[in-house]
Amino acid sequence: MRDEMTEDQVAANVAAQLVPGKYYRFAPPIMATAVPVGGPNVCKLEECEFDRGW
């Protein structure tokens, strides 16, 4: 995992105008830490890939 963003990523992040309640597509998909809320691995942190989110 990488904790630092490139200059291009920082610029894109600053320029983003996200609106609460809307869905966004990620191209390419992003990797993020997720917490499952059901099943045998409940509350076990894992990395998941997301192609959209809100």
N, C-alpha and C. Protein backbone atom coordinates (compact mmCIF):
# COMPACT_ATOMS: atom_id res chain seq x y z
N MET A 1 0.84 -1.18 0.00
CA MET A 1 0.00 0.00 0.00
C MET A 1 0.88 1.24 0.00
N ARG A 2 0.35 2.30 -0.57
CA ARG A 2 1.10 3.53 -0.67
C ARG A 2 0.36 4.63 0.07
N ASP A 3 1.06 5.37 0.91
CA ASP A 3 0.43 6.40 1.72
C ASP A 3 0.53 7.79 1.11
N GLU A 4 1.35 7.96 0.09
CA GLU A 4 1.54 9.29 -0.49
C GLU A 4 0.93 9.36 -1.88
N MET A 5 0.39 10.55 -2.21
CA MET A 5 -0.17 10.76 -3.54
C MET A 5 0.85 11.48 -4.41
N THR A 6 0.76 11.23 -5.72
CA THR A 6 1.61 11.95 -6.66
C THR A 6 1.07 13.38 -6.79
N GLU A 7 1.85 14.26 -7.39
CA GLU A 7 1.40 15.64 -7.59
C GLU A 7 0.13 15.69 -8.43
N ASP A 8 0.04 14.83 -9.46
CA ASP A 8 -1.16 14.77 -10.29
C ASP A 8 -2.38 14.33 -9.48
N GLN A 9 -2.19 13.36 -8.60
CA GLN A 9 -3.30 12.88 -7.76
C GLN A 9 -3.76 13.97 -6.80
N VAL A 10 -2.82 14.71 -6.24
CA VAL A 10 -3.17 15.81 -5.33
C VAL A 10 -3.96 16.87 -6.08
N ALA A 11 -3.52 17.24 -7.28
CA ALA A 11 -4.22 18.25 -8.08
C ALA A 11 -5.62 17.79 -8.43
N ALA A 12 -5.78 16.53 -8.82
CA ALA A 12 -7.10 16.00 -9.16
C ALA A 12 -8.00 15.97 -7.93
N ASN A 13 -7.45 15.63 -6.79
CA ASN A 13 -8.21 15.57 -5.55
C ASN A 13 -8.71 16.96 -5.15
N VAL A 14 -7.84 17.96 -5.28
CA VAL A 14 -8.21 19.33 -4.93
C VAL A 14 -9.29 19.85 -5.90
N ALA A 15 -9.19 19.47 -7.17
CA ALA A 15 -10.12 19.96 -8.18
C ALA A 15 -11.49 19.28 -8.12
N ALA A 16 -11.57 18.12 -7.49
CA ALA A 16 -12.83 17.37 -7.46
C ALA A 16 -13.89 18.12 -6.67
N GLN A 17 -15.07 18.19 -7.24
CA GLN A 17 -16.21 18.81 -6.58
C GLN A 17 -17.25 17.72 -6.36
N LEU A 18 -17.08 16.92 -5.34
CA LEU A 18 -18.00 15.81 -5.09
C LEU A 18 -19.26 16.32 -4.42
N VAL A 19 -20.39 15.80 -4.85
CA VAL A 19 -21.68 16.21 -4.32
C VAL A 19 -22.25 15.06 -3.50
N PRO A 20 -22.54 15.29 -2.20
CA PRO A 20 -23.09 14.22 -1.37
C PRO A 20 -24.37 13.64 -1.98
N GLY A 21 -24.52 12.32 -1.89
CA GLY A 21 -25.72 11.65 -2.38
C GLY A 21 -25.68 11.22 -3.83
N LYS A 22 -24.61 11.55 -4.56
CA LYS A 22 -24.49 11.14 -5.96
C LYS A 22 -23.50 10.00 -6.07
N TYR A 23 -23.69 9.16 -7.10
CA TYR A 23 -22.76 8.06 -7.38
C TYR A 23 -21.67 8.53 -8.32
N TYR A 24 -20.48 7.98 -8.14
CA TYR A 24 -19.34 8.31 -9.00
C TYR A 24 -18.69 7.02 -9.48
N ARG A 25 -18.24 7.02 -10.72
CA ARG A 25 -17.49 5.89 -11.26
C ARG A 25 -16.01 6.20 -11.16
N PHE A 26 -15.23 5.18 -10.79
CA PHE A 26 -13.79 5.34 -10.65
C PHE A 26 -13.12 4.60 -11.80
N ALA A 27 -12.35 5.33 -12.59
CA ALA A 27 -11.64 4.73 -13.71
C ALA A 27 -10.20 5.19 -13.65
N PRO A 28 -9.31 4.35 -13.31
CA PRO A 28 -9.46 2.93 -13.00
C PRO A 28 -10.08 2.73 -11.62
N PRO A 29 -10.55 1.51 -11.34
CA PRO A 29 -11.12 1.22 -10.02
C PRO A 29 -10.10 1.52 -8.91
N ILE A 30 -10.60 1.86 -7.74
CA ILE A 30 -9.73 2.18 -6.62
C ILE A 30 -9.67 1.02 -5.63
N MET A 31 -8.59 0.96 -4.89
CA MET A 31 -8.44 -0.01 -3.80
C MET A 31 -8.65 0.76 -2.50
N ALA A 32 -9.43 0.18 -1.60
CA ALA A 32 -9.68 0.83 -0.32
C ALA A 32 -9.86 -0.22 0.76
N THR A 33 -9.58 0.16 1.98
CA THR A 33 -9.80 -0.73 3.11
C THR A 33 -11.29 -0.75 3.40
N ALA A 34 -11.84 -1.95 3.58
CA ALA A 34 -13.27 -2.11 3.82
C ALA A 34 -13.48 -2.97 5.07
N VAL A 35 -14.65 -2.81 5.68
CA VAL A 35 -15.01 -3.59 6.86
C VAL A 35 -16.28 -4.37 6.53
N PRO A 36 -16.19 -5.69 6.33
CA PRO A 36 -17.38 -6.49 6.06
C PRO A 36 -18.35 -6.40 7.25
N VAL A 37 -19.63 -6.37 6.95
CA VAL A 37 -20.63 -6.25 8.02
C VAL A 37 -21.49 -7.50 8.16
N GLY A 38 -21.12 -8.57 7.49
CA GLY A 38 -21.87 -9.82 7.63
C GLY A 38 -21.01 -11.00 7.25
N GLY A 39 -21.44 -12.17 7.61
CA GLY A 39 -20.71 -13.38 7.27
C GLY A 39 -19.65 -13.71 8.29
N PRO A 40 -18.83 -14.70 7.99
CA PRO A 40 -17.85 -15.19 8.97
C PRO A 40 -16.69 -14.23 9.25
N ASN A 41 -16.41 -13.31 8.35
CA ASN A 41 -15.28 -12.39 8.55
C ASN A 41 -15.74 -11.00 8.97
N VAL A 42 -16.86 -10.91 9.68
CA VAL A 42 -17.40 -9.62 10.07
C VAL A 42 -16.34 -8.84 10.86
N CYS A 43 -16.20 -7.57 10.53
CA CYS A 43 -15.28 -6.63 11.18
C CYS A 43 -13.81 -6.91 10.93
N LYS A 44 -13.47 -7.82 10.04
CA LYS A 44 -12.07 -8.07 9.69
C LYS A 44 -11.72 -7.15 8.52
N LEU A 45 -10.76 -6.26 8.72
CA LEU A 45 -10.37 -5.33 7.65
C LEU A 45 -9.82 -6.09 6.46
N GLU A 46 -10.23 -5.67 5.27
CA GLU A 46 -9.69 -6.26 4.05
C GLU A 46 -9.64 -5.19 2.97
N GLU A 47 -8.79 -5.39 1.98
CA GLU A 47 -8.71 -4.45 0.86
C GLU A 47 -9.65 -4.91 -0.23
N CYS A 48 -10.45 -3.98 -0.72
CA CYS A 48 -11.41 -4.27 -1.78
C CYS A 48 -11.22 -3.29 -2.93
N GLU A 49 -11.66 -3.69 -4.11
CA GLU A 49 -11.59 -2.84 -5.29
C GLU A 49 -12.99 -2.32 -5.59
N PHE A 50 -13.09 -1.02 -5.84
CA PHE A 50 -14.38 -0.39 -6.12
C PHE A 50 -14.33 0.32 -7.46
N ASP A 51 -15.36 0.11 -8.28
CA ASP A 51 -15.43 0.81 -9.56
C ASP A 51 -16.46 1.93 -9.52
N ARG A 52 -17.19 2.05 -8.41
CA ARG A 52 -18.11 3.16 -8.22
C ARG A 52 -18.33 3.37 -6.72
N GLY A 53 -18.84 4.49 -6.35
CA GLY A 53 -19.09 4.78 -4.95
C GLY A 53 -19.88 6.06 -4.81
N TRP A 54 -20.20 6.42 -3.59
CA TRP A 54 -20.92 7.66 -3.32
C TRP A 54 -20.49 8.26 -2.02
